[in-house]
Amino acid sequence: MIAKIEKALETNEPGYWEPLDPDVTIAIYPEMFFPFLRSKFEILYESEDFKQSREQREKRKQETGKLPDDPINLIVFIDAYNFENSDAYSGEGPALIMCPDRSALEFFCSELKQEYLDFLKKYKIADSQN
């Protein structure tokens, strides 16, 4: 899962992680607030300060490709099979939708990776990923 998050952050391409049994799916959509629907919002008014700020950000974005405040849509879907009285995976269930920015997800991924490495070391487990 860590590798999937890192890849999505590096490539700016959507990705997802799912275990062999699809109990849970974690999907990552860089630079998308809600990836399934096109926004219906239309700018009616924009102050000069905000317009300059937006244009400067767009310029920096063109130069670097990624910015710390880029939006990331993170969806954690839990199959209803995990709940009482379910007999099979259904592709239905609750989902948690979060919208961290790039820097927050990078920090989380870094901390998760360190926690994983500490776990492997503490319990003397070989990392099957490497």
C-alpha atoms as a PDB file:
ATOM      1  CA  MET A   1       0.000   0.000   0.000  1.00  0.00           C
ATOM      2  CA  ILE A   2       2.828   2.412   0.801  1.00  0.00           C
ATOM      3  CA  ALA A   3       4.292   1.874  -2.660  1.00  0.00           C
ATOM      4  CA  LYS A   4       0.917   2.673  -4.266  1.00  0.00           C
ATOM      5  CA  ILE A   5       0.647   5.951  -2.361  1.00  0.00           C
ATOM      6  CA  GLU A   6       4.235   6.876  -3.237  1.00  0.00           C
ATOM      7  CA  LYS A   7       3.652   6.052  -6.913  1.00  0.00           C
ATOM      8  CA  ALA A   8       0.476   8.148  -7.095  1.00  0.00           C
ATOM      9  CA  LEU A   9       2.268  11.081  -5.457  1.00  0.00           C
ATOM     10  CA  GLU A  10       5.269  10.724  -7.779  1.00  0.00           C
ATOM     11  CA  THR A  11       3.410  10.231 -11.068  1.00  0.00           C
ATOM     12  CA  ASN A  12       0.317  12.318 -10.311  1.00  0.00           C
ATOM     13  CA  GLU A  13      -1.714   9.423 -11.729  1.00  0.00           C
ATOM     14  CA  PRO A  14      -4.649   7.802  -9.901  1.00  0.00           C
ATOM     15  CA  GLY A  15      -4.034   4.443  -8.314  1.00  0.00           C
ATOM     16  CA  TYR A  16      -5.522   2.037  -5.839  1.00  0.00           C
ATOM     17  CA  TRP A  17      -4.566  -0.731  -3.451  1.00  0.00           C
ATOM     18  CA  GLU A  18      -6.657  -3.766  -2.694  1.00  0.00           C
ATOM     19  CA  PRO A  19      -5.674  -6.937  -0.825  1.00  0.00           C
ATOM     20  CA  LEU A  20      -6.180 -10.403  -2.328  1.00  0.00           C
ATOM     21  CA  ASP A  21      -9.572 -10.604  -0.640  1.00  0.00           C
ATOM     22  CA  PRO A  22     -11.296  -7.308  -1.474  1.00  0.00           C
ATOM     23  CA  ASP A  23     -12.251  -6.434   2.108  1.00  0.00           C
ATOM     24  CA  VAL A  24     -11.056  -2.874   1.647  1.00  0.00           C
ATOM     25  CA  THR A  25      -9.946  -0.708  -1.245  1.00  0.00           C
ATOM     26  CA  ILE A  26      -7.857   2.435  -0.909  1.00  0.00           C
ATOM     27  CA  ALA A  27      -7.985   4.705  -3.962  1.00  0.00           C
ATOM     28  CA  ILE A  28      -5.844   7.783  -4.543  1.00  0.00           C
ATOM     29  CA  TYR A  29      -6.768  10.498  -7.022  1.00  0.00           C
ATOM     30  CA  PRO A  30      -4.139  13.267  -7.233  1.00  0.00           C
ATOM     31  CA  GLU A  31      -5.420  16.750  -8.037  1.00  0.00           C
ATOM     32  CA  MET A  32      -9.050  15.699  -7.984  1.00  0.00           C
ATOM     33  CA  PHE A  33     -11.525  16.799  -5.326  1.00  0.00           C
ATOM     34  CA  PHE A  34     -14.222  14.342  -6.406  1.00  0.00           C
ATOM     35  CA  PRO A  35     -13.079  12.236  -9.363  1.00  0.00           C
ATOM     36  CA  PHE A  36     -16.411  10.906 -10.574  1.00  0.00           C
ATOM     37  CA  LEU A  37     -18.287  14.083 -11.404  1.00  0.00           C
ATOM     38  CA  ARG A  38     -17.335  17.189 -13.311  1.00  0.00           C
ATOM     39  CA  SER A  39     -17.691  20.335 -11.232  1.00  0.00           C
ATOM     40  CA  LYS A  40     -20.714  22.499 -11.943  1.00  0.00           C
ATOM     41  CA  PHE A  41     -19.204  25.503 -10.177  1.00  0.00           C
ATOM     42  CA  GLU A  42     -18.593  28.612 -12.217  1.00  0.00           C
ATOM     43  CA  ILE A  43     -16.573  31.630 -11.084  1.00  0.00           C
ATOM     44  CA  LEU A  44     -18.834  34.669 -11.078  1.00  0.00           C
ATOM     45  CA  TYR A  45     -16.451  37.090  -9.407  1.00  0.00           C
ATOM     46  CA  GLU A  46     -12.798  37.007  -8.475  1.00  0.00           C
ATOM     47  CA  SER A  47     -10.987  39.791  -6.629  1.00  0.00           C
ATOM     48  CA  GLU A  48      -7.750  41.055  -8.144  1.00  0.00           C
ATOM     49  CA  ASP A  49      -5.735  39.746  -5.162  1.00  0.00           C
ATOM     50  CA  PHE A  50      -7.226  36.284  -5.490  1.00  0.00           C
ATOM     51  CA  LYS A  51      -6.804  36.311  -9.275  1.00  0.00           C
ATOM     52  CA  GLN A  52      -3.106  37.248  -8.932  1.00  0.00           C
ATOM     53  CA  SER A  53      -2.619  34.542  -6.310  1.00  0.00           C
ATOM     54  CA  ARG A  54      -4.304  31.940  -8.526  1.00  0.00           C
ATOM     55  CA  GLU A  55      -2.251  32.969 -11.567  1.00  0.00           C
ATOM     56  CA  GLN A  56       1.000  32.840  -9.572  1.00  0.00           C
ATOM     57  CA  ARG A  57       0.078  29.375  -8.331  1.00  0.00           C
ATOM     58  CA  GLU A  58      -0.709  28.213 -11.876  1.00  0.00           C
ATOM     59  CA  LYS A  59       2.668  29.548 -13.036  1.00  0.00           C
ATOM     60  CA  ARG A  60       4.521  27.733 -10.215  1.00  0.00           C
ATOM     61  CA  LYS A  61       2.520  24.605 -11.061  1.00  0.00           C
ATOM     62  CA  GLN A  62       3.622  24.760 -14.696  1.00  0.00           C
ATOM     63  CA  GLU A  63       7.235  25.172 -13.616  1.00  0.00           C
ATOM     64  CA  THR A  64       7.345  22.410 -10.990  1.00  0.00           C
ATOM     65  CA  GLY A  65       4.514  20.054 -11.949  1.00  0.00           C
ATOM     66  CA  LYS A  66       3.525  19.525  -8.305  1.00  0.00           C
ATOM     67  CA  LEU A  67       2.840  21.815  -5.371  1.00  0.00           C
ATOM     68  CA  PRO A  68       2.535  21.029  -1.644  1.00  0.00           C
ATOM     69  CA  ASP A  69      -1.074  22.256  -1.596  1.00  0.00           C
ATOM     70  CA  ASP A  70      -2.247  20.159  -4.564  1.00  0.00           C
ATOM     71  CA  PRO A  71      -5.515  18.448  -3.641  1.00  0.00           C
ATOM     72  CA  ILE A  72      -5.565  14.669  -3.309  1.00  0.00           C
ATOM     73  CA  ASN A  73      -8.778  12.684  -3.088  1.00  0.00           C
ATOM     74  CA  LEU A  74      -8.332   9.601  -0.902  1.00  0.00           C
ATOM     75  CA  ILE A  75     -11.155   7.063  -0.718  1.00  0.00           C
ATOM     76  CA  VAL A  76     -11.196   4.138   1.713  1.00  0.00           C
ATOM     77  CA  PHE A  77     -13.964   1.706   0.747  1.00  0.00           C
ATOM     78  CA  ILE A  78     -14.981  -1.123   3.091  1.00  0.00           C
ATOM     79  CA  ASP A  79     -16.906  -3.997   1.525  1.00  0.00           C
ATOM     80  CA  ALA A  80     -20.160  -4.858   3.310  1.00  0.00           C
ATOM     81  CA  TYR A  81     -18.821  -8.420   3.623  1.00  0.00           C
ATOM     82  CA  ASN A  82     -16.963  -7.217   6.731  1.00  0.00           C
ATOM     83  CA  PHE A  83     -20.242  -6.601   8.508  1.00  0.00           C
ATOM     84  CA  GLU A  84     -22.671  -8.942  10.213  1.00  0.00           C
ATOM     85  CA  ASN A  85     -24.938 -11.202   8.118  1.00  0.00           C
ATOM     86  CA  SER A  86     -22.941 -10.911   4.883  1.00  0.00           C
ATOM     87  CA  ASP A  87     -22.217 -14.088   2.961  1.00  0.00           C
ATOM     88  CA  ALA A  88     -20.068 -12.794   0.105  1.00  0.00           C
ATOM     89  CA  TYR A  89     -18.225  -9.768  -1.219  1.00  0.00           C
ATOM     90  CA  SER A  90     -20.700  -7.407  -2.782  1.00  0.00           C
ATOM     91  CA  GLY A  91     -18.836  -4.333  -3.995  1.00  0.00           C
ATOM     92  CA  GLU A  92     -21.127  -2.347  -1.718  1.00  0.00           C
ATOM     93  CA  GLY A  93     -20.418  -0.736   1.615  1.00  0.00           C
ATOM     94  CA  PRO A  94     -19.397   2.485   3.293  1.00  0.00           C
ATOM     95  CA  ALA A  95     -16.570   4.683   2.091  1.00  0.00           C
ATOM     96  CA  LEU A  96     -14.560   7.340   3.826  1.00  0.00           C
ATOM     97  CA  ILE A  97     -13.618  10.178   1.482  1.00  0.00           C
ATOM     98  CA  MET A  98     -10.804  12.487   2.555  1.00  0.00           C
ATOM     99  CA  CYS A  99      -9.198  15.404   0.728  1.00  0.00           C
ATOM    100  CA  PRO A 100      -5.717  15.995   2.136  1.00  0.00           C
ATOM    101  CA  ASP A 101      -3.251  18.156   0.276  1.00  0.00           C
ATOM    102  CA  ARG A 102      -0.089  16.679  -1.204  1.00  0.00           C
ATOM    103  CA  SER A 103       2.152  17.656   1.722  1.00  0.00           C
ATOM    104  CA  ALA A 104      -0.185  16.065   4.291  1.00  0.00           C
ATOM    105  CA  LEU A 105      -0.353  12.791   2.351  1.00  0.00           C
ATOM    106  CA  GLU A 106       3.418  12.782   1.819  1.00  0.00           C
ATOM    107  CA  PHE A 107       3.902  13.271   5.576  1.00  0.00           C
ATOM    108  CA  PHE A 108       1.412  10.498   6.381  1.00  0.00           C
ATOM    109  CA  CYS A 109       3.079   8.135   3.898  1.00  0.00           C
ATOM    110  CA  SER A 110       6.517   8.890   5.323  1.00  0.00           C
ATOM    111  CA  GLU A 111       5.327   8.260   8.894  1.00  0.00           C
ATOM    112  CA  LEU A 112       3.501   5.065   7.845  1.00  0.00           C
ATOM    113  CA  LYS A 113       6.611   3.794   6.080  1.00  0.00           C
ATOM    114  CA  GLN A 114       8.754   4.456   9.160  1.00  0.00           C
ATOM    115  CA  GLU A 115       6.203   2.746  11.398  1.00  0.00           C
ATOM    116  CA  TYR A 116       6.214  -0.270   9.062  1.00  0.00           C
ATOM    117  CA  LEU A 117      10.022  -0.456   9.096  1.00  0.00           C
ATOM    118  CA  ASP A 118      10.047  -0.182  12.902  1.00  0.00           C
ATOM    119  CA  PHE A 119       7.491  -3.009  13.086  1.00  0.00           C
ATOM    120  CA  LEU A 120       9.614  -5.236  10.824  1.00  0.00           C
ATOM    121  CA  LYS A 121      12.700  -4.528  12.909  1.00  0.00           C
ATOM    122  CA  LYS A 122      10.990  -5.040  16.263  1.00  0.00           C
ATOM    123  CA  TYR A 123       9.540  -8.407  15.299  1.00  0.00           C
ATOM    124  CA  LYS A 124      12.521  -9.460  13.147  1.00  0.00           C
ATOM    125  CA  ILE A 125      10.446  -9.882  10.003  1.00  0.00           C
ATOM    126  CA  ALA A 126      12.019  -9.862   6.563  1.00  0.00           C
ATOM    127  CA  ASP A 127      10.418  -7.326   4.207  1.00  0.00           C
ATOM    128  CA  SER A 128       8.878  -9.296   1.343  1.00  0.00           C
ATOM    129  CA  GLN A 129       8.520  -6.065  -0.676  1.00  0.00           C
ATOM    130  CA  ASN A 130      12.294  -5.725  -1.221  1.00  0.00           C
END
